[in-house]
């Protein structure tokens, strides 16, 4: 009976011991954990110096979005909409209605 190559590899892995210096590995992990907030704080401090300029440039776009949303909601009329109206032949965006549009230049 032959041994499957996967089984052979698993037996080989079970016999060998990992060659990892556990104290050094743990120390490097904790060093990375402790240094991460410092880099994050530097990034946030960099954003704080840029945020006033970004706010002044984003304010008109935000205001236009709010005014457009409010005026669009005010101009929208309440009406009874039949959900199946798109399948009728006289729907405004049906193919038959679009085919009856006048051609450009005539």
PDB file of N, CA and C in Angstrom:
ATOM      1  N   UNK A   1       0.842  -1.170   0.000  1.00  0.00           N
ATOM      2  CA  UNK A   1       0.000   0.000   0.000  1.00  0.00           C
ATOM      3  C   UNK A   1       0.896   1.243   0.000  1.00  0.00           C
ATOM      4  N   UNK A   2       0.647   2.165  -0.962  1.00  0.00           N
ATOM      5  CA  UNK A   2       1.462   3.378  -1.062  1.00  0.00           C
ATOM      6  C   UNK A   2       0.826   4.493  -0.250  1.00  0.00           C
ATOM      7  N   UNK A   3       1.693   5.381   0.248  1.00  0.00           N
ATOM      8  CA  UNK A   3       1.207   6.519   1.041  1.00  0.00           C
ATOM      9  C   UNK A   3       0.967   7.688   0.097  1.00  0.00           C
ATOM     10  N   UNK A   4      -0.150   8.333   0.291  1.00  0.00           N
ATOM     11  CA  UNK A   4      -0.514   9.499  -0.499  1.00  0.00           C
ATOM     12  C   UNK A   4       0.516  10.619  -0.255  1.00  0.00           C
ATOM     13  N   UNK A   5       0.886  11.403  -1.299  1.00  0.00           N
ATOM     14  CA  UNK A   5       1.866  12.479  -1.089  1.00  0.00           C
ATOM     15  C   UNK A   5       1.415  13.502  -0.051  1.00  0.00           C
ATOM     16  N   UNK A   6       0.129  13.713   0.048  1.00  0.00           N
ATOM     17  CA  UNK A   6      -0.367  14.664   1.042  1.00  0.00           C
ATOM     18  C   UNK A   6      -0.134  14.104   2.446  1.00  0.00           C
ATOM     19  N   UNK A   7      -0.425  12.805   2.636  1.00  0.00           N
ATOM     20  CA  UNK A   7      -0.187  12.180   3.930  1.00  0.00           C
ATOM     21  C   UNK A   7       1.290  12.201   4.283  1.00  0.00           C
ATOM     22  N   UNK A   8       2.143  11.958   3.306  1.00  0.00           N
ATOM     23  CA  UNK A   8       3.586  11.999   3.527  1.00  0.00           C
ATOM     24  C   UNK A   8       4.031  13.393   3.983  1.00  0.00           C
ATOM     25  N   UNK A   9       3.490  14.409   3.345  1.00  0.00           N
ATOM     26  CA  UNK A   9       3.844  15.786   3.709  1.00  0.00           C
ATOM     27  C   UNK A   9       3.340  16.120   5.113  1.00  0.00           C
ATOM     28  N   UNK A  10       2.134  15.675   5.449  1.00  0.00           N
ATOM     29  CA  UNK A  10       1.605  15.926   6.785  1.00  0.00           C
ATOM     30  C   UNK A  10       2.436  15.228   7.861  1.00  0.00           C
ATOM     31  N   UNK A  11       2.884  13.997   7.587  1.00  0.00           N
ATOM     32  CA  UNK A  11       3.740  13.292   8.544  1.00  0.00           C
ATOM     33  C   UNK A  11       5.070  14.014   8.709  1.00  0.00           C
ATOM     34  N   UNK A  12       5.614  14.532   7.614  1.00  0.00           N
ATOM     35  CA  UNK A  12       6.880  15.270   7.668  1.00  0.00           C
ATOM     36  C   UNK A  12       6.728  16.553   8.475  1.00  0.00           C
ATOM     37  N   UNK A  13       5.612  17.228   8.306  1.00  0.00           N
ATOM     38  CA  UNK A  13       5.362  18.464   9.051  1.00  0.00           C
ATOM     39  C   UNK A  13       5.151  18.176  10.535  1.00  0.00           C
ATOM     40  N   UNK A  14       4.536  17.031  10.862  1.00  0.00           N
ATOM     41  CA  UNK A  14       4.289  16.686  12.260  1.00  0.00           C
ATOM     42  C   UNK A  14       5.591  16.378  12.994  1.00  0.00           C
ATOM     43  N   UNK A  15       6.582  15.838  12.295  1.00  0.00           N
ATOM     44  CA  UNK A  15       7.854  15.471  12.920  1.00  0.00           C
ATOM     45  C   UNK A  15       8.739  16.696  13.147  1.00  0.00           C
ATOM     46  N   UNK A  16       8.728  17.642  12.246  1.00  0.00           N
ATOM     47  CA  UNK A  16       9.604  18.809  12.359  1.00  0.00           C
ATOM     48  C   UNK A  16       9.047  19.805  13.371  1.00  0.00           C
ATOM     49  N   UNK A  17       9.932  20.507  14.024  1.00  0.00           N
ATOM     50  CA  UNK A  17       9.527  21.567  14.959  1.00  0.00           C
ATOM     51  C   UNK A  17       9.798  22.908  14.303  1.00  0.00           C
ATOM     52  N   UNK A  18       8.955  23.884  14.555  1.00  0.00           N
ATOM     53  CA  UNK A  18       9.171  25.198  13.941  1.00  0.00           C
ATOM     54  C   UNK A  18      10.430  25.860  14.506  1.00  0.00           C
ATOM     55  N   UNK A  19      11.114  26.572  13.669  1.00  0.00           N
ATOM     56  CA  UNK A  19      12.346  27.248  14.060  1.00  0.00           C
ATOM     57  C   UNK A  19      12.064  28.737  14.273  1.00  0.00           C
ATOM     58  N   UNK A  20      11.214  29.022  15.243  1.00  0.00           N
ATOM     59  CA  UNK A  20      10.843  30.395  15.527  1.00  0.00           C
ATOM     60  C   UNK A  20      11.323  30.748  16.928  1.00  0.00           C
ATOM     61  N   UNK A  21      11.968  31.876  17.048  1.00  0.00           N
ATOM     62  CA  UNK A  21      12.365  32.381  18.348  1.00  0.00           C
ATOM     63  C   UNK A  21      11.145  33.080  18.937  1.00  0.00           C
ATOM     64  N   UNK A  22      10.429  32.375  19.821  1.00  0.00           N
ATOM     65  CA  UNK A  22       9.150  32.884  20.307  1.00  0.00           C
ATOM     66  C   UNK A  22       9.265  34.206  21.066  1.00  0.00           C
ATOM     67  N   UNK A  23      10.247  34.394  21.937  1.00  0.00           N
ATOM     68  CA  UNK A  23      10.331  35.699  22.613  1.00  0.00           C
ATOM     69  C   UNK A  23      10.578  36.849  21.636  1.00  0.00           C
ATOM     70  N   UNK A  24      11.427  36.630  20.634  1.00  0.00           N
ATOM     71  CA  UNK A  24      11.691  37.683  19.649  1.00  0.00           C
ATOM     72  C   UNK A  24      10.450  37.954  18.805  1.00  0.00           C
ATOM     73  N   UNK A  25       9.716  36.895  18.473  1.00  0.00           N
ATOM     74  CA  UNK A  25       8.499  37.058  17.688  1.00  0.00           C
ATOM     75  C   UNK A  25       7.461  37.848  18.478  1.00  0.00           C
ATOM     76  N   UNK A  26       7.279  37.499  19.754  1.00  0.00           N
ATOM     77  CA  UNK A  26       6.322  38.213  20.588  1.00  0.00           C
ATOM     78  C   UNK A  26       6.732  39.671  20.756  1.00  0.00           C
ATOM     79  N   UNK A  27       8.016  39.915  20.933  1.00  0.00           N
ATOM     80  CA  UNK A  27       8.499  41.290  21.090  1.00  0.00           C
ATOM     81  C   UNK A  27       8.249  42.097  19.830  1.00  0.00           C
ATOM     82  N   UNK A  28       8.465  41.506  18.659  1.00  0.00           N
ATOM     83  CA  UNK A  28       8.242  42.246  17.411  1.00  0.00           C
ATOM     84  C   UNK A  28       6.764  42.535  17.196  1.00  0.00           C
ATOM     85  N   UNK A  29       5.905  41.602  17.607  1.00  0.00           N
ATOM     86  CA  UNK A  29       4.464  41.844  17.468  1.00  0.00           C
ATOM     87  C   UNK A  29       4.039  42.991  18.366  1.00  0.00           C
ATOM     88  N   UNK A  30       4.486  42.979  19.634  1.00  0.00           N
ATOM     89  CA  UNK A  30       4.114  44.049  20.548  1.00  0.00           C
ATOM     90  C   UNK A  30       4.701  45.389  20.122  1.00  0.00           C
ATOM     91  N   UNK A  31       5.869  45.367  19.523  1.00  0.00           N
ATOM     92  CA  UNK A  31       6.469  46.615  19.027  1.00  0.00           C
ATOM     93  C   UNK A  31       5.607  47.205  17.914  1.00  0.00           C
ATOM     94  N   UNK A  32       5.142  46.363  17.017  1.00  0.00           N
ATOM     95  CA  UNK A  32       4.278  46.851  15.941  1.00  0.00           C
ATOM     96  C   UNK A  32       2.961  47.377  16.479  1.00  0.00           C
ATOM     97  N   UNK A  33       2.419  46.713  17.507  1.00  0.00           N
ATOM     98  CA  UNK A  33       1.161  47.162  18.093  1.00  0.00           C
ATOM     99  C   UNK A  33       1.336  48.519  18.755  1.00  0.00           C
ATOM    100  N   UNK A  34       2.437  48.696  19.474  1.00  0.00           N
ATOM    101  CA  UNK A  34       2.657  49.954  20.183  1.00  0.00           C
ATOM    102  C   UNK A  34       2.993  51.101  19.246  1.00  0.00           C
ATOM    103  N   UNK A  35       3.596  50.839  18.113  1.00  0.00           N
ATOM    104  CA  UNK A  35       3.971  51.920  17.199  1.00  0.00           C
ATOM    105  C   UNK A  35       2.841  52.318  16.260  1.00  0.00           C
ATOM    106  N   UNK A  36       1.822  51.509  16.141  1.00  0.00           N
ATOM    107  CA  UNK A  36       0.725  51.824  15.223  1.00  0.00           C
ATOM    108  C   UNK A  36      -0.028  53.091  15.616  1.00  0.00           C
ATOM    109  N   UNK A  37      -0.395  53.316  16.872  1.00  0.00           N
ATOM    110  CA  UNK A  37      -1.124  54.551  17.194  1.00  0.00           C
ATOM    111  C   UNK A  37      -0.302  55.803  16.917  1.00  0.00           C
ATOM    112  N   UNK A  38       1.016  55.724  17.050  1.00  0.00           N
ATOM    113  CA  UNK A  38       1.840  56.901  16.791  1.00  0.00           C
ATOM    114  C   UNK A  38       1.697  57.309  15.313  1.00  0.00           C
ATOM    115  N   UNK A  39       1.773  56.344  14.422  1.00  0.00           N
ATOM    116  CA  UNK A  39       1.621  56.653  12.999  1.00  0.00           C
ATOM    117  C   UNK A  39       0.208  57.158  12.712  1.00  0.00           C
ATOM    118  N   UNK A  40      -0.781  56.588  13.398  1.00  0.00           N
ATOM    119  CA  UNK A  40      -2.160  57.013  13.191  1.00  0.00           C
ATOM    120  C   UNK A  40      -2.337  58.460  13.641  1.00  0.00           C
ATOM    121  N   UNK A  41      -1.729  58.816  14.793  1.00  0.00           N
ATOM    122  CA  UNK A  41      -1.833  60.186  15.274  1.00  0.00           C
ATOM    123  C   UNK A  41      -1.172  61.154  14.310  1.00  0.00           C
ATOM    124  N   UNK A  42      -0.054  60.775  13.733  1.00  0.00           N
ATOM    125  CA  UNK A  42       0.606  61.642  12.748  1.00  0.00           C
ATOM    126  C   UNK A  42      -0.289  61.852  11.536  1.00  0.00           C
ATOM    127  N   UNK A  43      -0.968  60.801  11.105  1.00  0.00           N
ATOM    128  CA  UNK A  43      -1.868  60.910   9.958  1.00  0.00           C
ATOM    129  C   UNK A  43      -3.038  61.843  10.270  1.00  0.00           C
ATOM    130  N   UNK A  44      -3.625  61.685  11.462  1.00  0.00           N
ATOM    131  CA  UNK A  44      -4.765  62.525  11.850  1.00  0.00           C
ATOM    132  C   UNK A  44      -4.319  63.974  12.008  1.00  0.00           C
ATOM    133  N   UNK A  45      -3.143  64.200  12.585  1.00  0.00           N
ATOM    134  CA  UNK A  45      -2.637  65.568  12.712  1.00  0.00           C
ATOM    135  C   UNK A  45      -2.414  66.197  11.336  1.00  0.00           C
ATOM    136  N   UNK A  46      -1.966  65.401  10.378  1.00  0.00           N
ATOM    137  CA  UNK A  46      -1.808  65.905   9.018  1.00  0.00           C
ATOM    138  C   UNK A  46      -3.136  66.284   8.399  1.00  0.00           C
ATOM    139  N   UNK A  47      -4.174  65.516   8.693  1.00  0.00           N
ATOM    140  CA  UNK A  47      -5.501  65.848   8.171  1.00  0.00           C
ATOM    141  C   UNK A  47      -6.061  67.104   8.816  1.00  0.00           C
ATOM    142  N   UNK A  48      -5.736  67.335  10.090  1.00  0.00           N
ATOM    143  CA  UNK A  48      -6.247  68.523  10.774  1.00  0.00           C
ATOM    144  C   UNK A  48      -5.720  69.798  10.127  1.00  0.00           C
ATOM    145  N   UNK A  49      -4.518  69.760   9.598  1.00  0.00           N
ATOM    146  CA  UNK A  49      -3.980  70.957   8.963  1.00  0.00           C
ATOM    147  C   UNK A  49      -4.633  71.220   7.611  1.00  0.00           C
ATOM    148  N   UNK A  50      -5.198  70.199   7.002  1.00  0.00           N
ATOM    149  CA  UNK A  50      -5.811  70.336   5.677  1.00  0.00           C
ATOM    150  C   UNK A  50      -7.322  70.560   5.778  1.00  0.00           C
ATOM    151  N   UNK A  51      -7.934  70.166   6.882  1.00  0.00           N
ATOM    152  CA  UNK A  51      -9.400  70.165   6.981  1.00  0.00           C
ATOM    153  C   UNK A  51     -10.061  71.528   6.798  1.00  0.00           C
ATOM    154  N   UNK A  52      -9.500  72.662   7.262  1.00  0.00           N
ATOM    155  CA  UNK A  52     -10.199  73.930   7.002  1.00  0.00           C
ATOM    156  C   UNK A  52     -10.325  74.242   5.509  1.00  0.00           C
ATOM    157  N   UNK A  53      -9.282  73.988   4.751  1.00  0.00           N
ATOM    158  CA  UNK A  53      -9.356  74.238   3.309  1.00  0.00           C
ATOM    159  C   UNK A  53     -10.350  73.332   2.615  1.00  0.00           C
ATOM    160  N   UNK A  54     -10.380  72.075   3.033  1.00  0.00           N
ATOM    161  CA  UNK A  54     -11.328  71.136   2.442  1.00  0.00           C
ATOM    162  C   UNK A  54     -12.752  71.533   2.806  1.00  0.00           C
ATOM    163  N   UNK A  55     -12.955  71.995   4.037  1.00  0.00           N
ATOM    164  CA  UNK A  55     -14.303  72.395   4.456  1.00  0.00           C
ATOM    165  C   UNK A  55     -14.795  73.581   3.637  1.00  0.00           C
ATOM    166  N   UNK A  56     -13.942  74.558   3.408  1.00  0.00           N
ATOM    167  CA  UNK A  56     -14.364  75.725   2.621  1.00  0.00           C
ATOM    168  C   UNK A  56     -14.672  75.347   1.181  1.00  0.00           C
ATOM    169  N   UNK A  57     -13.966  74.366   0.661  1.00  0.00           N
ATOM    170  CA  UNK A  57     -14.236  73.956  -0.721  1.00  0.00           C
ATOM    171  C   UNK A  57     -15.445  73.034  -0.819  1.00  0.00           C
ATOM    172  N   UNK A  58     -15.729  72.279   0.225  1.00  0.00           N
ATOM    173  CA  UNK A  58     -16.853  71.342   0.191  1.00  0.00           C
ATOM    174  C   UNK A  58     -18.168  72.003   0.580  1.00  0.00           C
ATOM    175  N   UNK A  59     -18.112  73.136   1.249  1.00  0.00           N
ATOM    176  CA  UNK A  59     -19.339  73.794   1.714  1.00  0.00           C
ATOM    177  C   UNK A  59     -20.289  74.167   0.574  1.00  0.00           C
ATOM    178  N   UNK A  60     -19.813  74.774  -0.524  1.00  0.00           N
ATOM    179  CA  UNK A  60     -20.757  75.095  -1.611  1.00  0.00           C
ATOM    180  C   UNK A  60     -21.410  73.854  -2.222  1.00  0.00           C
ATOM    181  N   UNK A  61     -20.652  72.783  -2.350  1.00  0.00           N
ATOM    182  CA  UNK A  61     -21.234  71.563  -2.910  1.00  0.00           C
ATOM    183  C   UNK A  61     -22.279  70.984  -1.972  1.00  0.00           C
ATOM    184  N   UNK A  62     -22.008  71.013  -0.669  1.00  0.00           N
ATOM    185  CA  UNK A  62     -22.986  70.507   0.300  1.00  0.00           C
ATOM    186  C   UNK A  62     -24.236  71.370   0.303  1.00  0.00           C
ATOM    187  N   UNK A  63     -24.060  72.680   0.214  1.00  0.00           N
ATOM    188  CA  UNK A  63     -25.218  73.581   0.194  1.00  0.00           C
ATOM    189  C   UNK A  63     -26.049  73.364  -1.067  1.00  0.00           C
ATOM    190  N   UNK A  64     -25.396  73.195  -2.210  1.00  0.00           N
ATOM    191  CA  UNK A  64     -26.128  72.940  -3.451  1.00  0.00           C
ATOM    192  C   UNK A  64     -26.885  71.623  -3.379  1.00  0.00           C
ATOM    193  N   UNK A  65     -26.289  70.624  -2.739  1.00  0.00           N
ATOM    194  CA  UNK A  65     -26.963  69.343  -2.587  1.00  0.00           C
ATOM    195  C   UNK A  65     -28.195  69.468  -1.702  1.00  0.00           C
ATOM    196  N   UNK A  66     -28.091  70.217  -0.623  1.00  0.00           N
ATOM    197  CA  UNK A  66     -29.237  70.400   0.276  1.00  0.00           C
ATOM    198  C   UNK A  66     -30.339  71.201  -0.408  1.00  0.00           C
ATOM    199  N   UNK A  67     -29.978  72.310  -1.051  1.00  0.00           N
ATOM    200  CA  UNK A  67     -30.983  73.146  -1.716  1.00  0.00           C
ATOM    201  C   UNK A  67     -31.649  72.379  -2.858  1.00  0.00           C
ATOM    202  N   UNK A  68     -30.867  71.639  -3.618  1.00  0.00           N
ATOM    203  CA  UNK A  68     -31.434  70.851  -4.711  1.00  0.00           C
ATOM    204  C   UNK A  68     -32.370  69.762  -4.218  1.00  0.00           C
ATOM    205  N   UNK A  69     -32.007  69.133  -3.118  1.00  0.00           N
ATOM    206  CA  UNK A  69     -32.873  68.089  -2.564  1.00  0.00           C
ATOM    207  C   UNK A  69     -34.177  68.668  -2.050  1.00  0.00           C
ATOM    208  N   UNK A  70     -34.089  69.790  -1.338  1.00  0.00           N
ATOM    209  CA  UNK A  70     -35.308  70.403  -0.794  1.00  0.00           C
ATOM    210  C   UNK A  70     -36.196  70.916  -1.919  1.00  0.00           C
ATOM    211  N   UNK A  71     -35.621  71.601  -2.904  1.00  0.00           N
ATOM    212  CA  UNK A  71     -36.446  72.122  -3.993  1.00  0.00           C
ATOM    213  C   UNK A  71     -37.000  70.992  -4.856  1.00  0.00           C
ATOM    214  N   UNK A  72     -36.236  69.940  -5.046  1.00  0.00           N
ATOM    215  CA  UNK A  72     -36.752  68.800  -5.807  1.00  0.00           C
ATOM    216  C   UNK A  72     -37.898  68.117  -5.097  1.00  0.00           C
ATOM    217  N   UNK A  73     -37.790  68.012  -3.780  1.00  0.00           N
ATOM    218  CA  UNK A  73     -38.885  67.413  -3.009  1.00  0.00           C
ATOM    219  C   UNK A  73     -40.106  68.305  -3.030  1.00  0.00           C
ATOM    220  N   UNK A  74     -39.907  69.629  -3.017  1.00  0.00           N
ATOM    221  CA  UNK A  74     -41.040  70.555  -3.037  1.00  0.00           C
ATOM    222  C   UNK A  74     -41.720  70.562  -4.399  1.00  0.00           C
ATOM    223  N   UNK A  75     -40.957  70.399  -5.465  1.00  0.00           N
ATOM    224  CA  UNK A  75     -41.536  70.430  -6.797  1.00  0.00           C
ATOM    225  C   UNK A  75     -42.176  69.114  -7.214  1.00  0.00           C
ATOM    226  N   UNK A  76     -41.824  68.050  -6.526  1.00  0.00           N
ATOM    227  CA  UNK A  76     -42.404  66.754  -6.866  1.00  0.00           C
ATOM    228  C   UNK A  76     -43.876  66.772  -6.492  1.00  0.00           C
ATOM    229  N   UNK A  77     -44.712  66.411  -7.434  1.00  0.00           N
ATOM    230  CA  UNK A  77     -46.150  66.436  -7.187  1.00  0.00           C
ATOM    231  C   UNK A  77     -46.605  65.074  -6.682  1.00  0.00           C
ATOM    232  N   UNK A  78     -47.585  65.097  -5.812  1.00  0.00           N
ATOM    233  CA  UNK A  78     -48.173  63.857  -5.346  1.00  0.00           C
ATOM    234  C   UNK A  78     -49.194  63.404  -6.371  1.00  0.00           C
ATOM    235  N   UNK A  79     -49.086  62.184  -6.805  1.00  0.00           N
ATOM    236  CA  UNK A  79     -50.041  61.651  -7.770  1.00  0.00           C
ATOM    237  C   UNK A  79     -50.141  60.156  -7.568  1.00  0.00           C
ATOM    238  N   UNK A  80     -51.233  59.615  -7.998  1.00  0.00           N
ATOM    239  CA  UNK A  80     -51.400  58.172  -7.931  1.00  0.00           C
ATOM    240  C   UNK A  80     -50.664  57.557  -9.099  1.00  0.00           C
ATOM    241  N   UNK A  81     -49.731  56.719  -8.798  1.00  0.00           N
ATOM    242  CA  UNK A  81     -48.925  56.085  -9.832  1.00  0.00           C
ATOM    243  C   UNK A  81     -49.286  54.613  -9.872  1.00  0.00           C
ATOM    244  N   UNK A  82     -49.654  54.175 -11.039  1.00  0.00           N
ATOM    245  CA  UNK A  82     -49.929  52.761 -11.225  1.00  0.00           C
ATOM    246  C   UNK A  82     -48.608  52.069 -11.510  1.00  0.00           C
ATOM    247  N   UNK A  83     -48.262  51.094 -10.685  1.00  0.00           N
ATOM    248  CA  UNK A  83     -46.971  50.420 -10.851  1.00  0.00           C
ATOM    249  C   UNK A  83     -46.878  49.661 -12.166  1.00  0.00           C
ATOM    250  N   UNK A  84     -47.995  49.284 -12.737  1.00  0.00           N
ATOM    251  CA  UNK A  84     -47.980  48.541 -13.995  1.00  0.00           C
ATOM    252  C   UNK A  84     -48.168  49.438 -15.210  1.00  0.00           C
ATOM    253  N   UNK A  85     -48.146  50.765 -15.021  1.00  0.00           N
ATOM    254  CA  UNK A  85     -48.356  51.690 -16.139  1.00  0.00           C
ATOM    255  C   UNK A  85     -47.224  51.611 -17.157  1.00  0.00           C
ATOM    256  N   UNK A  86     -46.070  51.143 -16.766  1.00  0.00           N
ATOM    257  CA  UNK A  86     -44.962  51.063 -17.723  1.00  0.00           C
ATOM    258  C   UNK A  86     -45.218  50.030 -18.808  1.00  0.00           C
ATOM    259  N   UNK A  87     -46.159  49.103 -18.569  1.00  0.00           N
ATOM    260  CA  UNK A  87     -46.435  48.071 -19.560  1.00  0.00           C
ATOM    261  C   UNK A  87     -47.559  48.450 -20.510  1.00  0.00           C
ATOM    262  N   UNK A  88     -48.184  49.604 -20.313  1.00  0.00           N
ATOM    263  CA  UNK A  88     -49.258  50.012 -21.220  1.00  0.00           C
ATOM    264  C   UNK A  88     -48.664  50.619 -22.485  1.00  0.00           C
ATOM    265  N   UNK A  89     -49.445  50.657 -23.530  1.00  0.00           N
ATOM    266  CA  UNK A  89     -48.938  51.172 -24.807  1.00  0.00           C
ATOM    267  C   UNK A  89     -48.854  52.691 -24.820  1.00  0.00           C
ATOM    268  N   UNK A  90     -49.530  53.379 -23.933  1.00  0.00           N
ATOM    269  CA  UNK A  90     -49.505  54.841 -23.919  1.00  0.00           C
ATOM    270  C   UNK A  90     -48.622  55.393 -22.795  1.00  0.00           C
ATOM    271  N   UNK A  91     -47.761  54.566 -22.219  1.00  0.00           N
ATOM    272  CA  UNK A  91     -46.834  55.047 -21.189  1.00  0.00           C
ATOM    273  C   UNK A  91     -45.843  56.019 -21.833  1.00  0.00           C
ATOM    274  N   UNK A  92     -45.434  57.073 -21.134  1.00  0.00           N
ATOM    275  CA  UNK A  92     -44.570  58.085 -21.746  1.00  0.00           C
ATOM    276  C   UNK A  92     -43.212  57.555 -22.207  1.00  0.00           C
ATOM    277  N   UNK A  93     -42.712  56.512 -21.580  1.00  0.00           N
ATOM    278  CA  UNK A  93     -41.400  55.988 -21.983  1.00  0.00           C
ATOM    279  C   UNK A  93     -41.483  54.625 -22.643  1.00  0.00           C
ATOM    280  N   UNK A  94     -42.657  54.253 -23.137  1.00  0.00           N
ATOM    281  CA  UNK A  94     -42.761  52.983 -23.844  1.00  0.00           C
ATOM    282  C   UNK A  94     -42.116  53.108 -25.223  1.00  0.00           C
ATOM    283  N   UNK A  95     -41.810  52.005 -25.824  1.00  0.00           N
ATOM    284  CA  UNK A  95     -41.163  52.016 -27.141  1.00  0.00           C
ATOM    285  C   UNK A  95     -42.081  52.631 -28.187  1.00  0.00           C
ATOM    286  N   UNK A  96     -43.379  52.352 -28.093  1.00  0.00           N
ATOM    287  CA  UNK A  96     -44.306  52.909 -29.084  1.00  0.00           C
ATOM    288  C   UNK A  96     -44.405  54.425 -28.944  1.00  0.00           C
ATOM    289  N   UNK A  97     -44.349  54.947 -27.718  1.00  0.00           N
ATOM    290  CA  UNK A  97     -44.395  56.398 -27.537  1.00  0.00           C
ATOM    291  C   UNK A  97     -43.089  57.038 -27.996  1.00  0.00           C
ATOM    292  N   UNK A  98     -41.976  56.397 -27.746  1.00  0.00           N
ATOM    293  CA  UNK A  98     -40.687  56.949 -28.171  1.00  0.00           C
ATOM    294  C   UNK A  98     -40.525  56.899 -29.688  1.00  0.00           C
ATOM    295  N   UNK A  99     -41.145  55.918 -30.330  1.00  0.00           N
ATOM    296  CA  UNK A  99     -41.057  55.802 -31.784  1.00  0.00           C
ATOM    297  C   UNK A  99     -41.847  56.896 -32.475  1.00  0.00           C
ATOM    298  N   UNK A 100     -42.853  57.462 -31.814  1.00  0.00           N
ATOM    299  CA  UNK A 100     -43.670  58.503 -32.389  1.00  0.00           C
ATOM    300  C   UNK A 100     -43.071  59.902 -32.225  1.00  0.00           C
ATOM    301  N   UNK A 101     -41.920  60.013 -31.631  1.00  0.00           N
ATOM    302  CA  UNK A 101     -41.288  61.325 -31.440  1.00  0.00           C
ATOM    303  C   UNK A 101     -40.854  61.885 -32.785  1.00  0.00           C
ATOM    304  N   UNK A 102     -40.927  63.196 -32.953  1.00  0.00           N
ATOM    305  CA  UNK A 102     -40.469  63.781 -34.226  1.00  0.00           C
ATOM    306  C   UNK A 102     -38.962  63.608 -34.383  1.00  0.00           C
ATOM    307  N   UNK A 103     -38.548  63.429 -35.598  1.00  0.00           N
ATOM    308  CA  UNK A 103     -37.115  63.256 -35.892  1.00  0.00           C
ATOM    309  C   UNK A 103     -36.402  64.605 -35.804  1.00  0.00           C
ATOM    310  N   UNK A 104     -35.142  64.591 -35.458  1.00  0.00           N
ATOM    311  CA  UNK A 104     -34.347  65.826 -35.361  1.00  0.00           C
ATOM    312  C   UNK A 104     -34.158  66.420 -36.748  1.00  0.00           C
ATOM    313  N   UNK A 105     -34.324  67.717 -36.859  1.00  0.00           N
ATOM    314  CA  UNK A 105     -34.103  68.408 -38.130  1.00  0.00           C
ATOM    315  C   UNK A 105     -35.329  68.433 -39.020  1.00  0.00           C
ATOM    316  N   UNK A 106     -36.473  67.927 -38.579  1.00  0.00           N
ATOM    317  CA  UNK A 106     -37.651  67.980 -39.436  1.00  0.00           C
ATOM    318  C   UNK A 106     -38.743  68.809 -38.828  1.00  0.00           C
TER     319      UNK A 106
END
